[in-house]
């Protein structure tokens, strides 16, 4: 039997990244009062093409047995990390919202949505990832000639990341 060839979704313009100050239930963030609220800040327009860098690792638990000549393994603790690189416009606050929002020490949530046009507001039923974070120190980059000013910043993951949360009312 031939495997079907699924339809793909272009990634350009279909990743939304927001900083949301408060979320009551990470597994079911609310569209109107949390994700689309006035205090939330959309960041995808600031993040560079290679500047969204979620990563994860899982440790290995060694499982040795006297009765075996083989060492077995089991999945261990997970570590999730997140860093962002975004454009920086120090002379224009209206065009520097990522830098102003992600002040060192600020806490909140990074919410990401894949596969839906970025400009589309969050809606009930959307699938999102929710990262509880504390912003680390912003580091201004010097990128050389023919480039733009950017900042790279670690966002420390402070709780369980919810992958594939479903947006609620």
Protein backbone atom coordinates (compact mmCIF):
# COMPACT_ATOMS: atom_id res chain seq x y z
CA UNK A 1 0.00 0.00 0.00
CA UNK A 2 1.25 3.46 -0.88
CA UNK A 3 1.48 5.98 1.90
CA UNK A 4 -0.53 9.19 1.36
CA UNK A 5 1.37 12.39 0.67
CA UNK A 6 -0.02 14.85 3.22
CA UNK A 7 -0.51 18.52 2.50
CA UNK A 8 2.17 20.69 4.09
CA UNK A 9 1.77 24.14 5.63
CA UNK A 10 4.28 26.84 4.67
CA UNK A 11 6.01 28.20 7.77
CA UNK A 12 6.41 31.77 6.49
CA UNK A 13 3.93 34.01 8.27
CA UNK A 14 2.24 31.14 10.12
CA UNK A 15 3.98 31.26 13.51
CA UNK A 16 2.51 33.57 16.11
CA UNK A 17 4.53 34.30 19.25
CA UNK A 18 3.07 36.33 22.11
CA UNK A 19 4.14 37.36 25.59
CA UNK A 20 1.13 36.99 27.88
CA UNK A 21 1.46 38.35 31.44
CA UNK A 22 -1.05 36.02 33.12
CA UNK A 23 -2.72 32.72 32.28
CA UNK A 24 -4.93 30.99 34.84
CA UNK A 25 -4.91 27.53 33.21
CA UNK A 26 -1.98 26.72 30.90
CA UNK A 27 -3.85 23.75 29.43
CA UNK A 28 -6.77 25.98 28.38
CA UNK A 29 -5.70 29.64 27.97
CA UNK A 30 -8.60 32.00 27.32
CA UNK A 31 -8.79 33.71 23.93
CA UNK A 32 -10.55 36.93 24.92
CA UNK A 33 -9.29 37.69 28.43
CA UNK A 34 -5.71 36.37 28.22
CA UNK A 35 -4.27 35.75 24.74
CA UNK A 36 -5.99 38.61 22.88
CA UNK A 37 -6.07 40.94 25.92
CA UNK A 38 -4.59 44.43 25.81
CA UNK A 39 -1.71 43.45 28.13
CA UNK A 40 -0.47 40.72 25.79
CA UNK A 41 2.28 41.60 23.31
CA UNK A 42 2.62 39.96 19.90
CA UNK A 43 6.34 39.31 19.27
CA UNK A 44 6.59 37.41 15.96
CA UNK A 45 7.02 40.61 13.97
CA UNK A 46 10.16 41.37 15.97
CA UNK A 47 11.72 37.90 16.07
CA UNK A 48 14.34 37.28 13.37
CA UNK A 49 13.98 34.44 10.87
CA UNK A 50 16.25 32.18 12.91
CA UNK A 51 15.57 33.87 16.25
CA UNK A 52 13.00 31.59 17.83
CA UNK A 53 14.95 28.76 19.42
CA UNK A 54 13.00 26.35 21.60
CA UNK A 55 14.94 23.26 22.57
CA UNK A 56 14.59 20.23 24.75
CA UNK A 57 16.62 17.40 26.15
CA UNK A 58 15.75 14.25 27.99
CA UNK A 59 18.17 12.55 30.35
CA UNK A 60 18.76 8.81 30.33
CA UNK A 61 18.16 6.66 33.39
CA UNK A 62 20.57 3.72 33.40
CA UNK A 63 18.89 0.44 34.36
CA UNK A 64 21.54 -2.22 35.08
CA UNK A 65 20.58 -5.74 36.17
CA UNK A 66 22.72 -8.43 37.77
CA UNK A 67 21.02 -11.07 35.66
CA UNK A 68 21.85 -9.38 32.35
CA UNK A 69 25.00 -8.53 30.43
CA UNK A 70 23.17 -5.62 28.85
CA UNK A 71 22.53 -2.16 30.30
CA UNK A 72 18.97 -1.00 29.76
CA UNK A 73 17.72 2.57 29.58
CA UNK A 74 14.61 4.45 30.58
CA UNK A 75 13.55 8.01 29.86
CA UNK A 76 14.64 10.48 32.53
CA UNK A 77 14.08 14.12 33.38
CA UNK A 78 13.26 16.61 30.65
CA UNK A 79 14.77 20.05 30.24
CA UNK A 80 13.16 22.68 28.03
CA UNK A 81 14.97 25.88 27.03
CA UNK A 82 13.95 28.93 25.06
CA UNK A 83 15.87 31.85 23.62
CA UNK A 84 14.83 34.56 21.21
CA UNK A 85 16.62 37.00 18.94
CA UNK A 86 14.63 40.04 17.89
CA UNK A 87 15.12 43.37 16.14
CA UNK A 88 16.02 46.32 18.36
CA UNK A 89 15.12 49.94 17.59
CA UNK A 90 16.39 52.01 20.55
CA UNK A 91 15.21 55.34 19.11
CA UNK A 92 11.55 54.42 18.61
CA UNK A 93 9.57 52.87 21.47
CA UNK A 94 6.61 52.07 19.20
CA UNK A 95 8.92 49.87 17.12
CA UNK A 96 10.82 48.38 20.06
CA UNK A 97 8.03 46.61 21.95
CA UNK A 98 9.80 43.24 22.20
CA UNK A 99 12.76 44.83 24.01
CA UNK A 100 10.50 46.93 26.24
CA UNK A 101 8.21 43.98 27.05
CA UNK A 102 10.93 41.44 27.82
CA UNK A 103 12.71 43.44 30.51
CA UNK A 104 15.09 41.33 32.57
CA UNK A 105 13.20 39.64 35.41
CA UNK A 106 9.71 40.02 33.95
CA UNK A 107 7.58 36.88 34.32
CA UNK A 108 4.77 35.61 32.16
CA UNK A 109 4.12 33.18 29.33
CA UNK A 110 5.34 32.78 25.78
CA UNK A 111 2.46 31.42 23.72
CA UNK A 112 3.09 30.04 20.24
CA UNK A 113 0.67 28.98 17.54
CA UNK A 114 1.81 27.17 14.39
CA UNK A 115 0.17 26.87 10.97
CA UNK A 116 -2.33 29.74 11.18
CA UNK A 117 -1.66 33.18 9.63
CA UNK A 118 0.12 35.28 12.24
CA UNK A 119 -2.24 38.25 11.91
CA UNK A 120 -5.26 36.14 12.84
CA UNK A 121 -6.33 36.64 16.46
CA UNK A 122 -6.41 33.64 18.77
CA UNK A 123 -9.70 31.77 18.58
CA UNK A 124 -11.43 29.12 20.65
CA UNK A 125 -10.11 25.72 19.60
CA UNK A 126 -6.69 26.94 18.43
CA UNK A 127 -3.80 24.67 19.40
CA UNK A 128 -1.00 26.53 21.20
CA UNK A 129 2.13 25.87 23.23
CA UNK A 130 2.41 27.68 26.57
CA UNK A 131 5.86 28.36 28.08
CA UNK A 132 6.00 29.89 31.60
CA UNK A 133 9.11 32.09 31.60
CA UNK A 134 11.24 34.65 33.37
CA UNK A 135 13.14 36.94 31.01
CA UNK A 136 16.91 36.86 31.33
CA UNK A 137 19.36 39.62 30.51
CA UNK A 138 18.92 41.07 27.00
CA UNK A 139 22.22 41.06 25.11
CA UNK A 140 22.59 43.58 22.28
CA UNK A 141 24.27 42.08 19.23
CA UNK A 142 26.63 43.71 16.76
CA UNK A 143 25.85 42.12 13.43
CA UNK A 144 28.22 44.04 11.18
CA UNK A 145 27.59 45.95 7.98
CA UNK A 146 24.39 45.53 5.98
CA UNK A 147 22.40 44.20 8.90
CA UNK A 148 19.99 45.38 11.57
CA UNK A 149 20.38 45.77 15.32
CA UNK A 150 19.21 42.74 17.28
CA UNK A 151 19.01 41.48 20.84
CA UNK A 152 19.38 37.87 21.96
CA UNK A 153 17.72 36.86 25.20
CA UNK A 154 17.30 33.69 27.21
CA UNK A 155 13.81 33.10 28.54
CA UNK A 156 14.15 30.83 31.57
CA UNK A 157 11.46 28.15 31.71
CA UNK A 158 9.94 28.28 35.20
CA UNK A 159 7.26 25.59 35.09
CA UNK A 160 5.76 22.82 33.02
CA UNK A 161 5.47 23.72 29.34
CA UNK A 162 2.10 22.73 27.91
CA UNK A 163 2.40 21.53 24.34
CA UNK A 164 -0.80 21.47 22.27
CA UNK A 165 -3.00 23.34 24.75
CA UNK A 166 -6.48 24.10 23.42
CA UNK A 167 -7.61 27.73 23.55
CA UNK A 168 -10.80 28.23 25.57
CA UNK A 169 -13.42 30.99 25.59
